Amino acid sequence: MPRQEPRGCCVISGRALHEDLGALCAEVFVQEGAKVLAADISGGQIETAAPLGPSVRAR
C-alpha cells in the first residue's frame, strides 16, 4: 500500500510534556506532518515546543 500524505493534528497535554515521552511523541507527529498543540498549566510546554518549530503551538 503506498504511503499517503500525512495530515492531521495532535494535542499533547499535562505531565507528558515534561517527560521525554511527550517530547518524543510531539517530534514524531511533526515529522509525519501533523500540527501539534502543546498545553500544560505549568508553562513547561513552551520549552518543549520551541525546538520543534512552527508546526507546534504552545498554549
C-alpha atoms as a PDB file:
ATOM      1  CA  MET A   1       0.000   0.000   0.000  1.00  0.00           C
ATOM      2  CA  PRO A   2       1.519   3.364  -0.985  1.00  0.00           C
ATOM      3  CA  ARG A   3       2.172   5.843   1.774  1.00  0.00           C
ATOM      4  CA  GLN A   4      -0.414   8.605   1.934  1.00  0.00           C
ATOM      5  CA  GLU A   5       0.324  12.231   2.579  1.00  0.00           C
ATOM      6  CA  PRO A   6       0.153  12.699   6.349  1.00  0.00           C
ATOM      7  CA  ARG A   7      -2.373  15.165   7.696  1.00  0.00           C
ATOM      8  CA  GLY A   8      -3.990  15.849  10.966  1.00  0.00           C
ATOM      9  CA  CYS A   9      -3.376  17.317  14.326  1.00  0.00           C
ATOM     10  CA  CYS A  10      -2.361  16.184  17.775  1.00  0.00           C
ATOM     11  CA  VAL A  11      -2.939  17.630  21.233  1.00  0.00           C
ATOM     12  CA  ILE A  12      -0.424  16.704  23.931  1.00  0.00           C
ATOM     13  CA  SER A  13      -1.205  17.984  27.404  1.00  0.00           C
ATOM     14  CA  GLY A  14      -0.219  17.693  31.016  1.00  0.00           C
ATOM     15  CA  ARG A  15       2.750  15.985  32.556  1.00  0.00           C
ATOM     16  CA  ALA A  16       3.604  14.209  29.304  1.00  0.00           C
ATOM     17  CA  LEU A  17       5.188  17.413  28.035  1.00  0.00           C
ATOM     18  CA  HIS A  18       7.773  17.378  30.816  1.00  0.00           C
ATOM     19  CA  GLU A  19       8.885  13.835  30.184  1.00  0.00           C
ATOM     20  CA  ASP A  20      10.954  12.526  27.296  1.00  0.00           C
ATOM     21  CA  LEU A  21       7.994  10.527  26.013  1.00  0.00           C
ATOM     22  CA  GLY A  22       5.824  13.609  25.485  1.00  0.00           C
ATOM     23  CA  ALA A  23       8.576  15.466  23.646  1.00  0.00           C
ATOM     24  CA  LEU A  24       9.321  12.390  21.534  1.00  0.00           C
ATOM     25  CA  CYS A  25       5.642  11.972  20.627  1.00  0.00           C
ATOM     26  CA  ALA A  26       5.428  15.610  19.584  1.00  0.00           C
ATOM     27  CA  GLU A  27       8.574  15.251  17.472  1.00  0.00           C
ATOM     28  CA  VAL A  28       7.246  12.147  15.686  1.00  0.00           C
ATOM     29  CA  PHE A  29       3.907  13.805  14.940  1.00  0.00           C
ATOM     30  CA  VAL A  30       5.710  16.856  13.498  1.00  0.00           C
ATOM     31  CA  GLN A  31       7.930  14.626  11.332  1.00  0.00           C
ATOM     32  CA  GLU A  32       4.805  12.946   9.987  1.00  0.00           C
ATOM     33  CA  GLY A  33       3.292  16.293   9.022  1.00  0.00           C
ATOM     34  CA  ALA A  34       0.868  16.905  11.889  1.00  0.00           C
ATOM     35  CA  LYS A  35       0.195  20.181  13.599  1.00  0.00           C
ATOM     36  CA  VAL A  36       0.699  19.821  17.351  1.00  0.00           C
ATOM     37  CA  LEU A  37      -0.876  21.800  20.160  1.00  0.00           C
ATOM     38  CA  ALA A  38       1.126  21.532  23.373  1.00  0.00           C
ATOM     39  CA  ALA A  39      -0.641  22.623  26.552  1.00  0.00           C
ATOM     40  CA  ASP A  40       0.215  22.477  30.234  1.00  0.00           C
ATOM     41  CA  ILE A  41      -0.856  24.573  33.202  1.00  0.00           C
ATOM     42  CA  SER A  42       2.755  24.883  34.438  1.00  0.00           C
ATOM     43  CA  GLY A  43       4.078  26.538  31.279  1.00  0.00           C
ATOM     44  CA  GLY A  44       6.537  23.724  30.512  1.00  0.00           C
ATOM     45  CA  GLN A  45       5.089  23.303  27.038  1.00  0.00           C
ATOM     46  CA  ILE A  46       6.948  26.379  25.818  1.00  0.00           C
ATOM     47  CA  GLU A  47      10.368  24.807  26.393  1.00  0.00           C
ATOM     48  CA  THR A  48       9.202  21.522  24.866  1.00  0.00           C
ATOM     49  CA  ALA A  49       7.678  23.133  21.782  1.00  0.00           C
ATOM     50  CA  ALA A  50      10.426  25.643  20.956  1.00  0.00           C
ATOM     51  CA  PRO A  51      12.931  23.288  19.278  1.00  0.00           C
ATOM     52  CA  LEU A  52      10.217  21.560  17.233  1.00  0.00           C
ATOM     53  CA  GLY A  53       9.485  24.538  15.015  1.00  0.00           C
ATOM     54  CA  PRO A  54       6.372  26.238  13.705  1.00  0.00           C
ATOM     55  CA  SER A  55       4.289  23.058  13.491  1.00  0.00           C
ATOM     56  CA  VAL A  56       3.972  23.120  17.281  1.00  0.00           C
ATOM     57  CA  ARG A  57       1.934  25.736  19.088  1.00  0.00           C
ATOM     58  CA  ALA A  58       2.383  26.085  22.822  1.00  0.00           C
ATOM     59  CA  ARG A  59      -0.576  27.248  24.920  1.00  0.00           C
END
